């Protein structure tokens, strides 16, 4: 089998199923008239399943599962972009109102998104960069340290 794809998609598909994406893959395949069990029956190539799932639409169950679960199903990229635009417009209106008002104007709340709080906390946790152990790191001068 020289020149053949050594993986054939079996390992990738197995990993996706093992990661808990099996039901989403099964649902997306059923939407196009295929059955995930056909892989084990030998009538459907694992590589084809991977290709179909990777090229699925934004509102597919698999893409929603990758984004965080079924709550994300109704939130394709366009919906996220619309929410960002509404938030930006609300902020512009708030800044304008704040500048032209003698009273403090309450800041507008952002458009509710699925799992916004959990993803914001995890994103903030990922952004922490500790360079204290870097070979060129120096201690921060006293005047720049926060008093706690």
N, C-alpha and C. Protein backbone atom coordinates (compact mmCIF):
# COMPACT_ATOMS: atom_id res chain seq x y z
N UNK A 1 0.82 -1.19 0.00
CA UNK A 1 0.00 0.00 0.00
C UNK A 1 0.86 1.25 0.00
N UNK A 2 1.88 1.29 -0.82
CA UNK A 2 2.72 2.48 -0.90
C UNK A 2 1.94 3.65 -1.46
N UNK A 3 2.11 4.81 -0.87
CA UNK A 3 1.44 6.01 -1.33
C UNK A 3 0.04 6.19 -0.76
N UNK A 4 -0.45 5.21 -0.06
CA UNK A 4 -1.80 5.32 0.51
C UNK A 4 -1.75 6.15 1.78
N UNK A 5 -2.88 6.72 2.12
CA UNK A 5 -2.99 7.49 3.36
C UNK A 5 -2.91 6.51 4.52
N UNK A 6 -1.85 6.59 5.35
CA UNK A 6 -1.68 5.59 6.40
C UNK A 6 -2.78 5.65 7.47
N UNK A 7 -3.33 6.84 7.73
CA UNK A 7 -4.34 6.96 8.78
C UNK A 7 -5.72 6.60 8.29
N UNK A 8 -6.06 7.03 7.12
CA UNK A 8 -7.37 6.76 6.58
C UNK A 8 -8.50 7.40 7.36
N UNK A 9 -8.20 8.18 8.37
CA UNK A 9 -9.22 8.86 9.15
C UNK A 9 -9.71 8.07 10.35
N UNK A 10 -9.36 6.79 10.44
CA UNK A 10 -9.86 5.97 11.54
C UNK A 10 -9.42 6.51 12.90
N UNK A 11 -8.17 6.86 13.02
CA UNK A 11 -7.65 7.36 14.29
C UNK A 11 -8.31 8.68 14.65
N UNK A 12 -8.42 9.59 13.67
CA UNK A 12 -9.06 10.87 13.92
C UNK A 12 -10.51 10.70 14.33
N UNK A 13 -11.23 9.87 13.60
CA UNK A 13 -12.64 9.64 13.91
C UNK A 13 -12.78 9.02 15.30
N UNK A 14 -11.94 8.05 15.60
CA UNK A 14 -11.98 7.43 16.92
C UNK A 14 -11.72 8.43 18.02
N UNK A 15 -10.77 9.35 17.78
CA UNK A 15 -10.45 10.38 18.78
C UNK A 15 -11.63 11.32 18.98
N UNK A 16 -12.28 11.72 17.89
CA UNK A 16 -13.44 12.61 18.00
C UNK A 16 -14.58 11.94 18.78
N UNK A 17 -14.81 10.68 18.49
CA UNK A 17 -15.85 9.94 19.22
C UNK A 17 -15.48 9.78 20.68
N UNK A 18 -14.20 9.48 20.94
CA UNK A 18 -13.71 9.32 22.30
C UNK A 18 -13.81 10.63 23.08
N UNK A 19 -13.66 11.77 22.39
CA UNK A 19 -13.75 13.09 23.03
C UNK A 19 -15.19 13.50 23.30
N UNK A 20 -16.14 12.64 22.95
CA UNK A 20 -17.54 12.93 23.25
C UNK A 20 -18.34 13.55 22.11
N UNK A 21 -17.77 13.58 20.90
CA UNK A 21 -18.46 14.19 19.78
C UNK A 21 -19.25 13.19 18.94
N UNK A 22 -19.31 11.95 19.37
CA UNK A 22 -20.01 10.91 18.62
C UNK A 22 -21.46 11.23 18.32
N UNK A 23 -22.27 11.64 19.32
CA UNK A 23 -23.67 11.95 19.04
C UNK A 23 -23.83 13.10 18.03
N UNK A 24 -22.98 14.10 18.12
CA UNK A 24 -23.07 15.23 17.17
C UNK A 24 -22.71 14.76 15.76
N UNK A 25 -21.68 13.94 15.64
CA UNK A 25 -21.28 13.42 14.33
C UNK A 25 -22.41 12.55 13.77
N UNK A 26 -22.99 11.70 14.61
CA UNK A 26 -24.08 10.83 14.17
C UNK A 26 -25.26 11.67 13.66
N UNK A 27 -25.62 12.71 14.40
CA UNK A 27 -26.73 13.57 14.00
C UNK A 27 -26.45 14.26 12.67
N UNK A 28 -25.24 14.82 12.52
CA UNK A 28 -24.92 15.52 11.27
C UNK A 28 -24.91 14.57 10.08
N UNK A 29 -24.44 13.35 10.27
CA UNK A 29 -24.46 12.37 9.18
C UNK A 29 -25.89 11.99 8.82
N UNK A 30 -26.75 11.86 9.83
CA UNK A 30 -28.15 11.52 9.55
C UNK A 30 -28.85 12.64 8.79
N UNK A 31 -28.42 13.87 8.98
CA UNK A 31 -29.00 15.00 8.23
C UNK A 31 -28.74 14.89 6.73
N UNK A 32 -27.65 14.21 6.36
CA UNK A 32 -27.33 14.04 4.94
C UNK A 32 -27.60 12.62 4.45
N UNK A 33 -28.32 11.84 5.27
CA UNK A 33 -28.75 10.51 4.84
C UNK A 33 -27.73 9.40 5.04
N UNK A 34 -26.76 9.60 5.92
CA UNK A 34 -25.75 8.57 6.19
C UNK A 34 -25.88 8.11 7.64
N UNK A 35 -25.26 6.98 7.94
CA UNK A 35 -25.31 6.42 9.28
C UNK A 35 -23.88 6.17 9.75
N UNK A 36 -23.54 6.65 10.94
CA UNK A 36 -22.20 6.47 11.48
C UNK A 36 -21.87 4.99 11.64
N UNK A 37 -22.86 4.17 11.90
CA UNK A 37 -22.62 2.73 12.05
C UNK A 37 -22.12 2.10 10.75
N UNK A 38 -22.33 2.77 9.61
CA UNK A 38 -21.84 2.25 8.33
C UNK A 38 -20.31 2.17 8.30
N UNK A 39 -19.65 2.95 9.13
CA UNK A 39 -18.18 2.88 9.21
C UNK A 39 -17.79 1.47 9.68
N UNK A 40 -18.49 0.93 10.68
CA UNK A 40 -18.16 -0.39 11.22
C UNK A 40 -18.71 -1.50 10.32
N UNK A 41 -19.73 -1.17 9.53
CA UNK A 41 -20.25 -2.15 8.58
C UNK A 41 -19.35 -2.25 7.35
N UNK A 42 -18.48 -1.27 7.17
CA UNK A 42 -17.55 -1.28 6.05
C UNK A 42 -18.09 -0.61 4.80
N UNK A 43 -19.22 0.09 4.90
CA UNK A 43 -19.80 0.75 3.72
C UNK A 43 -19.55 2.25 3.70
N UNK A 44 -18.91 2.78 4.74
CA UNK A 44 -18.60 4.21 4.80
C UNK A 44 -17.18 4.37 5.31
N UNK A 45 -16.38 5.09 4.55
CA UNK A 45 -14.97 5.30 4.89
C UNK A 45 -14.84 6.34 6.01
N UNK A 46 -14.02 6.08 7.03
CA UNK A 46 -13.83 7.06 8.11
C UNK A 46 -13.34 8.41 7.59
N UNK A 47 -12.49 8.38 6.55
CA UNK A 47 -11.98 9.63 5.99
C UNK A 47 -13.13 10.48 5.43
N UNK A 48 -14.14 9.84 4.83
CA UNK A 48 -15.30 10.57 4.30
C UNK A 48 -16.10 11.19 5.43
N UNK A 49 -16.24 10.46 6.53
CA UNK A 49 -16.96 11.01 7.69
C UNK A 49 -16.24 12.26 8.20
N UNK A 50 -14.92 12.18 8.33
CA UNK A 50 -14.14 13.34 8.78
C UNK A 50 -14.33 14.51 7.83
N UNK A 51 -14.24 14.25 6.52
CA UNK A 51 -14.41 15.32 5.53
C UNK A 51 -15.79 15.95 5.62
N UNK A 52 -16.82 15.13 5.73
CA UNK A 52 -18.19 15.65 5.82
C UNK A 52 -18.39 16.49 7.08
N UNK A 53 -17.86 16.01 8.18
CA UNK A 53 -18.04 16.72 9.45
C UNK A 53 -17.26 18.03 9.45
N UNK A 54 -16.03 18.01 8.93
CA UNK A 54 -15.21 19.23 8.92
C UNK A 54 -15.80 20.28 7.99
N UNK A 55 -16.45 19.87 6.92
CA UNK A 55 -17.00 20.81 5.95
C UNK A 55 -18.47 21.13 6.19
N UNK A 56 -19.00 20.69 7.31
CA UNK A 56 -20.41 20.93 7.62
C UNK A 56 -20.70 22.40 7.83
N UNK A 57 -21.98 22.75 7.81
CA UNK A 57 -22.36 24.16 7.99
C UNK A 57 -22.10 24.65 9.41
N UNK A 58 -22.12 25.96 9.57
CA UNK A 58 -21.86 26.57 10.88
C UNK A 58 -22.86 26.15 11.94
N UNK A 59 -24.08 25.82 11.54
CA UNK A 59 -25.09 25.44 12.53
C UNK A 59 -25.15 23.93 12.76
N UNK A 60 -24.11 23.22 12.34
CA UNK A 60 -24.11 21.76 12.54
C UNK A 60 -23.91 21.42 14.01
N UNK A 61 -24.36 20.24 14.38
CA UNK A 61 -24.24 19.79 15.76
C UNK A 61 -22.77 19.63 16.15
N UNK A 62 -21.93 19.19 15.21
CA UNK A 62 -20.51 19.00 15.51
C UNK A 62 -19.84 20.33 15.82
N UNK A 63 -20.10 21.35 15.00
CA UNK A 63 -19.50 22.66 15.26
C UNK A 63 -19.99 23.24 16.58
N UNK A 64 -21.28 23.03 16.87
CA UNK A 64 -21.82 23.49 18.16
C UNK A 64 -21.12 22.77 19.31
N UNK A 65 -20.86 21.48 19.15
CA UNK A 65 -20.17 20.71 20.19
C UNK A 65 -18.75 21.24 20.40
N UNK A 66 -18.08 21.61 19.32
CA UNK A 66 -16.73 22.16 19.45
C UNK A 66 -16.75 23.52 20.15
N UNK A 67 -17.81 24.30 19.93
CA UNK A 67 -17.91 25.61 20.56
C UNK A 67 -18.32 25.55 22.02
N UNK A 68 -18.86 24.41 22.45
CA UNK A 68 -19.23 24.33 23.86
C UNK A 68 -20.52 23.60 24.15
N UNK A 69 -21.23 23.15 23.15
CA UNK A 69 -22.44 22.38 23.41
C UNK A 69 -23.64 22.84 22.61
N UNK A 70 -24.78 22.23 22.87
CA UNK A 70 -25.98 22.51 22.09
C UNK A 70 -26.45 23.97 22.17
N UNK A 71 -26.11 24.67 23.24
CA UNK A 71 -26.52 26.08 23.35
C UNK A 71 -25.94 26.92 22.21
N UNK A 72 -24.83 26.48 21.66
CA UNK A 72 -24.16 27.23 20.60
C UNK A 72 -24.73 26.92 19.22
N UNK A 73 -25.67 26.01 19.14
CA UNK A 73 -26.22 25.59 17.86
C UNK A 73 -26.85 26.75 17.11
N UNK A 74 -27.56 27.60 17.81
CA UNK A 74 -28.23 28.72 17.17
C UNK A 74 -27.32 29.94 17.03
N UNK A 75 -26.04 29.77 17.34
CA UNK A 75 -25.11 30.89 17.28
C UNK A 75 -23.99 30.65 16.28
N UNK A 76 -24.30 30.70 14.99
CA UNK A 76 -23.22 30.61 14.00
C UNK A 76 -22.41 31.91 14.01
N UNK A 77 -21.40 31.97 13.21
CA UNK A 77 -20.50 33.12 13.17
C UNK A 77 -21.26 34.43 12.93
N UNK A 78 -22.25 34.40 12.02
CA UNK A 78 -22.99 35.61 11.70
C UNK A 78 -23.72 36.16 12.93
N UNK A 79 -24.27 35.28 13.74
CA UNK A 79 -24.99 35.72 14.94
C UNK A 79 -24.03 36.36 15.93
N UNK A 80 -22.83 35.79 16.08
CA UNK A 80 -21.83 36.39 16.96
C UNK A 80 -21.42 37.77 16.45
N UNK A 81 -21.25 37.89 15.13
CA UNK A 81 -20.88 39.18 14.55
C UNK A 81 -21.99 40.21 14.77
N UNK A 82 -23.24 39.81 14.63
CA UNK A 82 -24.36 40.72 14.87
C UNK A 82 -24.37 41.18 16.32
N UNK A 83 -24.13 40.27 17.24
CA UNK A 83 -24.11 40.63 18.65
C UNK A 83 -22.97 41.62 18.93
N UNK A 84 -21.81 41.41 18.31
CA UNK A 84 -20.70 42.34 18.48
C UNK A 84 -21.04 43.72 17.94
N UNK A 85 -21.74 43.77 16.81
CA UNK A 85 -22.13 45.06 16.23
C UNK A 85 -23.13 45.79 17.14
N UNK A 86 -24.09 45.06 17.68
CA UNK A 86 -25.06 45.66 18.60
C UNK A 86 -24.35 46.19 19.84
N UNK A 87 -23.42 45.41 20.38
CA UNK A 87 -22.65 45.86 21.54
C UNK A 87 -21.85 47.12 21.22
N UNK A 88 -21.24 47.15 20.03
CA UNK A 88 -20.45 48.33 19.64
C UNK A 88 -21.34 49.56 19.48
N UNK A 89 -22.50 49.40 18.86
CA UNK A 89 -23.42 50.53 18.72
C UNK A 89 -23.92 51.02 20.08
N UNK A 90 -24.25 50.10 20.95
CA UNK A 90 -24.69 50.49 22.30
C UNK A 90 -23.61 51.25 23.04
N UNK A 91 -22.36 50.83 22.86
CA UNK A 91 -21.25 51.52 23.51
C UNK A 91 -21.08 52.93 22.95
N UNK A 92 -21.22 53.06 21.63
CA UNK A 92 -21.11 54.39 21.00
C UNK A 92 -22.21 55.30 21.53
N UNK A 93 -23.44 54.78 21.59
CA UNK A 93 -24.55 55.58 22.10
C UNK A 93 -24.32 55.95 23.56
N UNK A 94 -23.79 55.02 24.34
CA UNK A 94 -23.52 55.28 25.74
C UNK A 94 -22.46 56.37 25.91
N UNK A 95 -21.38 56.28 25.13
CA UNK A 95 -20.32 57.29 25.21
C UNK A 95 -20.88 58.66 24.85
N UNK A 96 -21.70 58.72 23.81
CA UNK A 96 -22.31 59.98 23.39
C UNK A 96 -23.23 60.52 24.49
N UNK A 97 -24.05 59.66 25.06
CA UNK A 97 -24.95 60.08 26.14
C UNK A 97 -24.16 60.53 27.36
N UNK A 98 -23.10 59.81 27.68
CA UNK A 98 -22.26 60.14 28.83
C UNK A 98 -21.60 61.51 28.64
N UNK A 99 -21.17 61.79 27.42
CA UNK A 99 -20.49 63.05 27.14
C UNK A 99 -21.45 64.24 27.18
N UNK A 100 -22.71 64.01 26.86
CA UNK A 100 -23.68 65.10 26.77
C UNK A 100 -24.64 65.15 27.95
N UNK A 101 -24.36 64.44 29.00
CA UNK A 101 -25.25 64.40 30.16
C UNK A 101 -24.51 64.88 31.39
N UNK A 102 -25.25 65.56 32.25
CA UNK A 102 -24.67 66.00 33.51
C UNK A 102 -24.69 64.87 34.54
N UNK A 103 -25.57 63.89 34.33
CA UNK A 103 -25.67 62.75 35.24
C UNK A 103 -24.91 61.57 34.66
N UNK A 104 -24.58 60.65 35.53
CA UNK A 104 -23.91 59.43 35.08
C UNK A 104 -24.93 58.52 34.39
N UNK A 105 -24.61 58.11 33.20
CA UNK A 105 -25.49 57.22 32.43
C UNK A 105 -25.00 55.79 32.63
N UNK A 106 -25.92 54.88 32.97
CA UNK A 106 -25.46 53.49 33.18
C UNK A 106 -24.95 52.86 31.89
N UNK A 107 -23.88 52.11 32.02
CA UNK A 107 -23.28 51.43 30.87
C UNK A 107 -24.24 50.35 30.37
N UNK A 108 -24.38 50.22 29.04
CA UNK A 108 -25.29 49.19 28.51
C UNK A 108 -24.75 47.78 28.74
N UNK A 109 -25.65 46.85 28.93
CA UNK A 109 -25.25 45.45 29.11
C UNK A 109 -25.03 44.82 27.74
N UNK A 110 -24.03 43.95 27.62
CA UNK A 110 -23.79 43.30 26.32
C UNK A 110 -24.90 42.31 25.99
N UNK A 111 -25.05 42.01 24.71
CA UNK A 111 -26.01 41.02 24.25
C UNK A 111 -25.65 39.68 24.89
N UNK A 112 -26.64 39.02 25.42
CA UNK A 112 -26.42 37.72 26.07
C UNK A 112 -25.99 36.68 25.04
N UNK A 113 -24.88 36.02 25.28
CA UNK A 113 -24.39 34.97 24.40
C UNK A 113 -24.33 33.66 25.18
N UNK A 114 -24.36 32.55 24.49
CA UNK A 114 -24.29 31.28 25.22
C UNK A 114 -22.95 31.11 25.92
N UNK A 115 -23.01 30.74 27.17
CA UNK A 115 -21.82 30.44 27.98
C UNK A 115 -20.80 31.57 27.99
N UNK A 116 -21.29 32.80 27.96
CA UNK A 116 -20.39 33.95 27.91
C UNK A 116 -19.55 34.05 29.18
N UNK A 117 -20.15 33.83 30.33
CA UNK A 117 -19.41 33.97 31.58
C UNK A 117 -18.30 32.93 31.69
N UNK A 118 -18.61 31.68 31.36
CA UNK A 118 -17.61 30.62 31.48
C UNK A 118 -16.47 30.83 30.50
N UNK A 119 -16.79 31.23 29.25
CA UNK A 119 -15.73 31.40 28.27
C UNK A 119 -14.89 32.63 28.59
N UNK A 120 -15.50 33.68 29.15
CA UNK A 120 -14.72 34.86 29.52
C UNK A 120 -13.76 34.55 30.65
N UNK A 121 -14.22 33.77 31.63
CA UNK A 121 -13.34 33.40 32.74
C UNK A 121 -12.19 32.52 32.26
N UNK A 122 -12.49 31.56 31.39
CA UNK A 122 -11.42 30.69 30.91
C UNK A 122 -10.46 31.45 30.00
N UNK A 123 -10.98 32.41 29.22
CA UNK A 123 -10.10 33.22 28.37
C UNK A 123 -9.18 34.08 29.23
N UNK A 124 -9.73 34.65 30.31
CA UNK A 124 -8.90 35.46 31.21
C UNK A 124 -7.84 34.60 31.88
N UNK A 125 -8.21 33.38 32.24
CA UNK A 125 -7.24 32.49 32.88
C UNK A 125 -6.13 32.10 31.90
N UNK A 126 -6.48 31.95 30.61
CA UNK A 126 -5.46 31.59 29.62
C UNK A 126 -4.54 32.76 29.33
N UNK A 127 -5.01 34.01 29.51
CA UNK A 127 -4.21 35.17 29.17
C UNK A 127 -3.11 35.47 30.18
N UNK A 128 -3.14 34.85 31.33
CA UNK A 128 -2.13 35.11 32.34
C UNK A 128 -0.78 34.58 31.84
N UNK A 129 0.17 35.45 31.78
CA UNK A 129 1.50 35.10 31.30
C UNK A 129 2.50 35.40 32.40
N UNK A 130 3.12 34.38 32.91
CA UNK A 130 4.07 34.54 34.00
C UNK A 130 5.49 34.43 33.44
N UNK A 131 6.17 35.57 33.42
CA UNK A 131 7.54 35.60 32.92
C UNK A 131 8.56 35.69 34.06
N UNK A 132 8.13 35.46 35.27
CA UNK A 132 9.03 35.62 36.41
C UNK A 132 10.18 34.62 36.39
N UNK A 133 9.99 33.50 35.73
CA UNK A 133 11.05 32.48 35.69
C UNK A 133 11.94 32.61 34.45
N UNK A 134 11.66 33.61 33.63
CA UNK A 134 12.46 33.82 32.42
C UNK A 134 13.88 34.21 32.81
N UNK A 135 14.89 33.73 32.08
CA UNK A 135 16.29 34.03 32.46
C UNK A 135 16.61 35.52 32.49
N UNK A 136 15.92 36.35 31.71
CA UNK A 136 16.21 37.78 31.69
C UNK A 136 15.27 38.59 32.58
N UNK A 137 14.43 37.92 33.33
CA UNK A 137 13.45 38.61 34.18
C UNK A 137 14.14 39.32 35.33
N UNK A 138 13.66 40.53 35.63
CA UNK A 138 14.15 41.30 36.77
C UNK A 138 12.98 41.63 37.67
N UNK A 139 13.27 41.87 38.91
CA UNK A 139 12.22 42.24 39.86
C UNK A 139 11.66 43.61 39.50
N UNK A 140 10.34 43.74 39.61
CA UNK A 140 9.67 45.00 39.30
C UNK A 140 10.04 46.04 40.34
N UNK A 141 10.42 47.25 39.91
CA UNK A 141 10.77 48.29 40.89
C UNK A 141 9.60 48.56 41.84
N UNK A 142 9.93 48.95 43.06
CA UNK A 142 8.94 49.14 44.12
C UNK A 142 7.83 50.12 43.72
N UNK A 143 8.16 51.18 43.00
CA UNK A 143 7.16 52.21 42.68
C UNK A 143 6.08 51.68 41.72
N UNK A 144 6.34 50.59 41.03
CA UNK A 144 5.35 50.03 40.10
C UNK A 144 4.54 48.89 40.69
N UNK A 145 4.87 48.46 41.89
CA UNK A 145 4.16 47.36 42.51
C UNK A 145 2.86 47.83 43.13
N UNK A 146 1.86 46.99 43.04
CA UNK A 146 0.56 47.28 43.62
C UNK A 146 0.61 46.98 45.10
N UNK A 147 0.07 47.88 45.90
CA UNK A 147 0.04 47.60 47.34
C UNK A 147 -1.20 46.80 47.65
N UNK A 148 -1.02 45.70 48.37
CA UNK A 148 -2.15 44.81 48.68
C UNK A 148 -2.41 44.78 50.15
